[in-house]
Amino acid sequence: MTSYAFAAIAAMVLAEPIDVTLAAEQDDQAPTTKPDVAARADAEDHSPPEGRILNGHIFMPAARVRGPFTVTSFGSFMDIGYGSTTGTFQIGDRVFNQGFDYALFGATLDYELAFLRYFSARLALNPDVFSGINGSSAIVVGSKLQVAVSTGLTASIPLGDAVRVGFLLDANFGPNVGLSIGQGIRAVINSCQTSGCDVDTGQLFTILHVFTLQPAAVVSWAPLPPLGLTANFAYLYATETDSGSSFNGNAVIPAFAADFDFGRISSVPIGIQFQFRWTAPFSGTQLQHITDIGGGVFYTGRQDLAAGLQLIFRRSAVTSDVDVSWSNLLTTIGLRYYW
């Protein structure tokens, strides 16, 4: 959705050297007399991706900060949001200036496939419904439906045992259907006062085709087995097409995440997470400044499972007619299975 988020290359191949300590005449016979050596070397050449582990730390997936890891996984999530704000919206002689409450409900299904050890590709489906939840907010905020399809590619490489760097490329596209009751009524009233009640349905009902492209550089570091840190810096290009008109916007997105696994220092398989993300537009009018800050709680008892709850507080203005507010809470509940 335009006002809420737009809602991410290169690769290297690393060959591990094989230590040779046999005499020359033994080396000549190695392919036949030491088949286990050849099998081990072949296994190393075709070894699977390292997954999300660095220095003994298993990184927890952050909803707003993607890491550099090449993994095969499937995720299923439910998104619930609630917010309130204030503003002034006038329709004819009536002024709406009380609080406006709104809610979001959505879901995400995504699959990622790791291949060639240093690459992974992903595909996701993300339908969202957003609407005002009382009389005044239904008029001022309206309702929106977006069904987004996302694709992405990760290429990354480890630097030692504790650091991994990567390059990401993500694309997102889909229709954004909006119902703006207040704008529609106001357009009708203004039209009747000036030109004989010419109804402009485009003020009431809109269908936008949204496309975003987001390349990013990312690094993850595990200084200690319980602690993991991730920094992500992305460029966002977004475009909207509405009845032949096109609107573009550009932004930079710095993001950071940290997680701590108590299971590495105790018998409690619980991890906590902090994350921060800032969308900073520098051209166009379709993107707005959005700040996300929050964290999560995860079960860390299984290496192949990430299950948890993430809470994000968002500072934004949900429409141009209301105030910028921190009173936006986004909740993501779900799990991701790795293999």
Protein backbone atom coordinates (compact mmCIF):
# COMPACT_ATOMS: atom_id res chain seq x y z
CA MET A 1 0.00 0.00 0.00
CA THR A 2 1.33 3.39 -0.97
CA SER A 3 0.85 5.26 2.31
CA TYR A 4 1.88 2.45 4.57
CA ALA A 5 4.92 0.84 2.97
CA PHE A 6 6.41 -0.34 -0.27
CA ALA A 7 6.81 -3.20 0.88
CA ALA A 8 14.53 -6.55 -1.16
CA ILE A 9 23.78 -9.27 -7.83
CA ALA A 10 26.81 -10.57 -7.46
CA ALA A 11 28.36 -13.84 -6.26
CA MET A 12 31.69 -15.54 -5.52
CA VAL A 13 32.56 -19.21 -5.36
CA LEU A 14 34.85 -20.32 -2.57
CA ALA A 15 36.87 -23.48 -2.94
CA GLU A 16 38.45 -24.85 0.24
CA PRO A 17 42.04 -26.05 -0.18
CA ILE A 18 42.77 -29.68 0.54
CA ASP A 19 45.88 -30.36 2.58
CA VAL A 20 48.20 -32.84 0.86
CA THR A 21 50.77 -34.61 3.03
CA LEU A 22 51.25 -37.87 1.18
CA ALA A 23 54.38 -38.75 -0.73
CA ALA A 24 54.42 -38.34 -4.51
CA GLU A 25 54.03 -42.01 -5.22
CA GLN A 26 51.05 -42.21 -2.81
CA ASP A 27 49.44 -39.18 -4.49
CA ASP A 28 49.55 -40.98 -7.82
CA GLN A 29 47.56 -43.85 -6.31
CA ALA A 30 45.10 -41.67 -4.29
CA PRO A 31 42.20 -41.87 -6.76
CA THR A 32 42.15 -45.67 -6.50
CA THR A 33 43.57 -46.48 -3.06
CA LYS A 34 41.92 -43.60 -1.16
CA PRO A 35 38.37 -43.29 -2.52
CA ASP A 36 37.21 -41.69 0.74
CA VAL A 37 39.48 -38.69 0.08
CA ALA A 38 37.98 -38.13 -3.36
CA ALA A 39 34.47 -38.56 -1.99
CA ARG A 40 35.13 -36.05 0.78
CA ALA A 41 36.57 -33.53 -1.70
CA ASP A 42 33.55 -33.97 -3.98
CA ALA A 43 31.21 -33.49 -1.02
CA GLU A 44 32.98 -30.25 -0.11
CA ASP A 45 32.69 -28.97 -3.66
CA HIS A 46 28.94 -29.67 -3.63
CA SER A 47 28.28 -28.83 0.03
CA PRO A 48 24.96 -27.17 0.86
CA PRO A 49 24.61 -23.54 1.92
CA GLU A 50 25.77 -22.73 5.45
CA GLY A 51 22.30 -21.55 6.42
CA ARG A 52 21.73 -18.85 9.05
CA ILE A 53 24.51 -19.83 11.48
CA LEU A 54 27.62 -17.76 12.20
CA ASN A 55 30.08 -18.42 15.03
CA GLY A 56 27.60 -20.82 16.63
CA HIS A 57 24.78 -18.24 16.60
CA ILE A 58 21.49 -19.01 14.85
CA PHE A 59 20.09 -15.74 13.47
CA MET A 60 16.40 -14.99 13.99
CA PRO A 61 14.50 -13.68 10.92
CA ALA A 62 13.48 -10.02 11.27
CA ALA A 63 10.29 -8.90 9.53
CA ARG A 64 11.76 -5.49 8.58
CA VAL A 65 15.47 -6.34 8.17
CA ARG A 66 16.41 -9.08 5.72
CA GLY A 67 19.72 -10.84 6.31
CA PRO A 68 22.39 -12.10 3.88
CA PHE A 69 21.78 -15.82 4.38
CA THR A 70 21.15 -18.24 1.53
CA VAL A 71 18.63 -20.73 2.86
CA THR A 72 15.87 -23.06 1.78
CA SER A 73 12.79 -22.29 3.84
CA PHE A 74 9.02 -21.90 3.91
CA GLY A 75 7.26 -19.25 5.98
CA SER A 76 3.64 -18.63 6.94
CA PHE A 77 2.68 -15.45 8.81
CA MET A 78 -0.37 -13.52 9.93
CA ASP A 79 -0.15 -9.71 10.08
CA ILE A 80 -2.41 -7.66 12.38
CA GLY A 81 -2.20 -3.90 12.76
CA TYR A 82 -3.95 -1.18 14.70
CA GLY A 83 -3.51 2.58 14.77
CA SER A 84 -5.08 5.86 15.75
CA THR A 85 -4.38 9.43 14.81
CA THR A 86 -5.94 12.87 14.58
CA GLY A 87 -6.47 15.36 11.78
CA THR A 88 -8.89 17.77 10.17
CA PHE A 89 -11.03 16.79 7.19
CA GLN A 90 -13.82 18.99 5.86
CA ILE A 91 -16.79 17.89 3.74
CA GLY A 92 -19.09 20.77 2.88
CA ASP A 93 -19.92 22.47 6.17
CA ARG A 94 -18.98 19.44 8.28
CA VAL A 95 -15.49 19.26 9.81
CA PHE A 96 -14.15 15.91 11.05
CA ASN A 97 -11.41 16.60 13.60
CA GLN A 98 -11.72 13.88 16.22
CA GLY A 99 -9.59 10.76 16.53
CA PHE A 100 -9.49 8.23 13.71
CA ASP A 101 -8.98 4.50 14.36
CA TYR A 102 -7.96 1.98 11.73
CA ALA A 103 -6.89 -1.65 11.45
CA LEU A 104 -4.95 -3.92 9.12
CA PHE A 105 -5.22 -7.64 8.55
CA GLY A 106 -3.02 -9.62 6.19
CA ALA A 107 -1.11 -12.80 5.59
CA THR A 108 2.19 -13.79 4.02
CA LEU A 109 3.25 -17.04 2.39
CA ASP A 110 6.79 -17.29 1.06
CA TYR A 111 9.24 -19.87 -0.17
CA GLU A 112 12.99 -19.51 -0.59
CA LEU A 113 15.34 -21.95 -2.35
CA ALA A 114 19.11 -22.05 -1.85
CA PHE A 115 21.26 -23.21 -4.76
CA LEU A 116 24.93 -23.30 -5.75
CA ARG A 117 25.85 -22.70 -2.10
CA TYR A 118 26.04 -18.88 -2.34
CA PHE A 119 22.68 -18.06 -3.93
CA SER A 120 19.00 -18.23 -3.04
CA ALA A 121 15.80 -17.15 -4.79
CA ARG A 122 12.44 -16.41 -3.16
CA LEU A 123 8.77 -15.88 -3.98
CA ALA A 124 6.07 -14.47 -1.68
CA LEU A 125 2.35 -13.68 -1.74
CA ASN A 126 1.09 -10.94 0.60
CA PRO A 127 -2.62 -9.89 0.62
CA ASP A 128 -3.49 -7.02 3.00
CA VAL A 129 -6.75 -5.29 3.93
CA PHE A 130 -6.64 -1.87 5.62
CA SER A 131 -9.66 0.16 6.77
CA GLY A 132 -11.00 2.74 9.16
CA ILE A 133 -12.96 0.99 11.92
CA ASN A 134 -15.43 3.66 13.05
CA GLY A 135 -17.73 6.10 11.26
CA SER A 136 -15.40 9.07 11.03
CA SER A 137 -12.28 7.04 10.17
CA ALA A 138 -14.17 5.08 7.51
CA ILE A 139 -14.95 8.44 5.86
CA VAL A 140 -11.54 10.07 6.31
CA VAL A 141 -9.12 7.11 6.12
CA GLY A 142 -11.18 4.89 3.81
CA SER A 143 -10.33 1.30 2.92
CA LYS A 144 -7.65 -0.36 0.84
CA LEU A 145 -6.91 -3.82 -0.48
CA GLN A 146 -3.53 -4.87 -1.86
CA VAL A 147 -2.44 -8.23 -3.19
CA ALA A 148 1.31 -8.10 -3.65
CA VAL A 149 3.59 -10.65 -5.29
CA SER A 150 7.27 -10.40 -4.36
CA THR A 151 10.34 -12.03 -5.88
CA GLY A 152 13.94 -11.78 -4.78
CA LEU A 153 17.50 -13.01 -5.11
CA THR A 154 20.29 -13.24 -2.55
CA ALA A 155 23.99 -13.70 -3.26
CA SER A 156 26.35 -13.85 -0.30
CA ILE A 157 29.64 -15.17 1.00
CA PRO A 158 31.11 -15.74 4.49
CA LEU A 159 34.13 -13.76 5.64
CA GLY A 160 35.58 -16.06 8.26
CA ASP A 161 33.37 -17.83 10.79
CA ALA A 162 31.63 -14.79 12.28
CA VAL A 163 30.79 -12.47 9.34
CA ARG A 164 28.71 -12.86 6.21
CA VAL A 165 28.06 -10.21 3.54
CA GLY A 166 25.45 -10.29 0.83
CA PHE A 167 23.71 -8.47 -1.99
CA LEU A 168 19.92 -8.58 -2.35
CA LEU A 169 17.56 -7.68 -5.15
CA ASP A 170 13.80 -7.65 -4.49
CA ALA A 171 10.86 -6.70 -6.69
CA ASN A 172 7.26 -6.23 -5.61
CA PHE A 173 4.21 -5.74 -7.80
CA GLY A 174 0.43 -5.93 -7.50
CA PRO A 175 -2.85 -4.00 -7.57
CA ASN A 176 -3.82 -1.55 -4.85
CA VAL A 177 -7.60 -0.99 -4.67
CA GLY A 178 -8.76 2.00 -2.64
CA LEU A 179 -12.16 3.23 -1.48
CA SER A 180 -12.03 6.88 -0.32
CA ILE A 181 -15.52 7.72 0.91
CA GLY A 182 -14.68 11.17 2.25
CA GLN A 183 -12.84 12.32 -0.87
CA GLY A 184 -15.67 11.03 -3.06
CA ILE A 185 -18.39 12.85 -1.11
CA ARG A 186 -16.34 16.03 -1.00
CA ALA A 187 -15.75 15.90 -4.76
CA VAL A 188 -19.50 15.52 -5.39
CA ILE A 189 -20.37 18.47 -3.12
CA ASN A 190 -17.73 20.71 -4.67
CA SER A 191 -18.88 19.74 -8.14
CA CYS A 192 -22.53 20.50 -7.35
CA GLN A 193 -21.55 23.91 -6.05
CA THR A 194 -19.59 24.83 -9.20
CA SER A 195 -20.47 22.78 -12.29
CA GLY A 196 -23.72 20.90 -11.90
CA CYS A 197 -22.90 17.75 -9.93
CA ASP A 198 -20.36 16.09 -12.18
CA VAL A 199 -19.50 12.86 -10.33
CA ASP A 200 -15.81 11.95 -10.51
CA THR A 201 -15.67 8.25 -9.62
CA GLY A 202 -11.87 8.42 -9.59
CA GLN A 203 -12.09 10.39 -6.34
CA LEU A 204 -14.13 7.62 -4.73
CA PHE A 205 -12.67 4.41 -6.14
CA THR A 206 -9.11 3.93 -7.39
CA ILE A 207 -7.06 1.03 -8.73
CA LEU A 208 -3.32 1.59 -8.62
CA HIS A 209 -0.73 -0.76 -10.07
CA VAL A 210 2.27 -0.59 -7.76
CA PHE A 211 5.79 -1.75 -8.61
CA THR A 212 8.88 -1.47 -6.41
CA LEU A 213 12.50 -2.45 -7.00
CA GLN A 214 14.88 -2.66 -4.06
CA PRO A 215 18.59 -3.56 -4.30
CA ALA A 216 20.45 -3.77 -0.98
CA ALA A 217 23.78 -4.55 0.65
CA VAL A 218 23.74 -6.39 3.97
CA VAL A 219 26.18 -7.75 6.54
CA SER A 220 25.62 -10.02 9.54
CA TRP A 221 28.09 -10.50 12.40
CA ALA A 222 28.00 -12.86 15.37
CA PRO A 223 30.66 -11.63 17.84
CA LEU A 224 29.46 -14.20 20.40
CA PRO A 225 27.39 -17.40 20.08
CA PRO A 226 24.38 -15.80 21.84
CA LEU A 227 24.51 -12.49 19.92
CA GLY A 228 23.82 -11.67 16.28
CA LEU A 229 23.89 -8.27 14.53
CA THR A 230 22.64 -7.37 11.03
CA ALA A 231 22.91 -4.10 9.08
CA ASN A 232 21.05 -3.54 5.81
CA PHE A 233 21.20 -0.54 3.46
CA ALA A 234 18.77 -0.45 0.51
CA TYR A 235 17.69 1.81 -2.33
CA LEU A 236 13.97 1.83 -3.16
CA TYR A 237 12.43 2.76 -6.50
CA ALA A 238 8.62 2.82 -6.51
CA THR A 239 6.15 3.58 -9.27
CA GLU A 240 2.34 3.79 -9.36
CA THR A 241 0.21 3.65 -12.49
CA ASP A 242 -3.34 4.97 -12.38
CA SER A 243 -5.45 5.18 -15.59
CA GLY A 244 -2.42 5.86 -17.73
CA SER A 245 -0.75 8.27 -15.29
CA SER A 246 2.50 7.23 -13.66
CA PHE A 247 4.04 8.51 -10.42
CA ASN A 248 7.58 7.67 -9.30
CA GLY A 249 9.45 7.94 -6.02
CA ASN A 250 12.92 7.13 -4.70
CA ALA A 251 14.15 6.47 -1.17
CA VAL A 252 17.02 5.06 0.84
CA ILE A 253 16.33 2.57 3.63
CA PRO A 254 18.89 1.98 6.40
CA ALA A 255 17.93 -0.85 8.74
CA PHE A 256 19.44 -2.68 11.71
CA ALA A 257 18.59 -5.79 13.75
CA ALA A 258 20.07 -7.48 16.81
CA ASP A 259 19.05 -10.72 18.49
CA PHE A 260 20.13 -12.54 21.63
CA ASP A 261 19.59 -16.27 22.24
CA PHE A 262 19.28 -17.19 25.91
CA GLY A 263 19.45 -20.85 24.89
CA ARG A 264 23.20 -20.41 24.27
CA ILE A 265 23.89 -19.46 27.88
CA SER A 266 21.13 -21.34 29.71
CA SER A 267 18.53 -24.08 29.33
CA VAL A 268 15.84 -21.56 28.30
CA PRO A 269 15.23 -21.84 24.51
CA ILE A 270 14.04 -18.24 24.09
CA GLY A 271 15.50 -15.48 21.95
CA ILE A 272 14.74 -11.76 21.90
CA GLN A 273 15.16 -9.40 18.98
CA PHE A 274 15.42 -5.67 18.28
CA GLN A 275 14.94 -4.11 14.85
CA PHE A 276 14.92 -0.64 13.30
CA ARG A 277 14.10 0.53 9.77
CA TRP A 278 13.80 4.03 8.29
CA THR A 279 12.38 4.80 4.85
CA ALA A 280 13.76 8.20 3.76
CA PRO A 281 12.40 9.49 0.41
CA PHE A 282 14.54 11.92 -1.57
CA SER A 283 12.41 12.42 -4.71
CA GLY A 284 8.80 12.11 -5.77
CA THR A 285 5.65 12.66 -3.71
CA GLN A 286 4.26 9.12 -3.47
CA LEU A 287 6.62 7.89 -0.74
CA GLN A 288 6.66 9.22 2.80
CA HIS A 289 9.05 9.03 5.74
CA ILE A 290 8.32 5.87 7.71
CA THR A 291 10.14 4.81 10.87
CA ASP A 292 9.74 1.28 12.23
CA ILE A 293 11.11 0.28 15.62
CA GLY A 294 10.35 -2.82 17.65
CA GLY A 295 11.38 -6.38 18.30
CA GLY A 296 10.27 -9.92 18.85
CA VAL A 297 10.36 -13.09 20.91
CA PHE A 298 11.32 -16.43 19.34
CA TYR A 299 11.49 -20.09 20.29
CA THR A 300 15.08 -21.22 19.66
CA GLY A 301 14.94 -24.87 20.72
CA ARG A 302 15.17 -26.18 17.13
CA GLN A 303 17.74 -25.13 14.57
CA ASP A 304 15.39 -25.81 11.66
CA LEU A 305 12.48 -23.76 13.04
CA ALA A 306 11.94 -20.06 13.72
CA ALA A 307 8.63 -19.45 15.47
CA GLY A 308 7.78 -16.21 17.19
CA LEU A 309 5.93 -12.96 17.66
CA GLN A 310 7.20 -9.61 16.35
CA LEU A 311 5.84 -6.19 17.34
CA ILE A 312 6.64 -3.03 15.38
CA PHE A 313 5.74 0.56 16.26
CA ARG A 314 5.50 2.69 13.13
CA ARG A 315 5.71 6.46 12.79
CA SER A 316 3.82 7.56 9.68
CA ALA A 317 0.75 9.34 8.37
CA VAL A 318 -1.68 6.79 6.96
CA THR A 319 -3.20 9.39 4.61
CA SER A 320 -2.29 12.95 3.67
CA ASP A 321 -5.30 14.25 5.63
CA VAL A 322 -4.17 13.06 9.08
CA ASP A 323 -1.24 13.76 11.36
CA VAL A 324 2.05 11.89 11.52
CA SER A 325 1.81 9.56 14.49
CA TRP A 326 3.69 6.87 16.40
CA SER A 327 0.35 5.24 17.29
CA ASN A 328 0.63 2.46 14.71
CA LEU A 329 1.27 -1.07 15.94
CA LEU A 330 2.03 -3.93 13.53
CA THR A 331 2.10 -7.52 14.77
CA THR A 332 3.53 -10.47 12.86
CA ILE A 333 2.83 -13.98 14.14
CA GLY A 334 4.08 -17.09 12.40
CA LEU A 335 6.85 -19.52 11.72
CA ARG A 336 9.53 -20.33 9.21
CA TYR A 337 10.84 -23.86 8.62
CA TYR A 338 14.36 -24.45 7.27
CA TRP A 339 15.83 -27.55 5.65
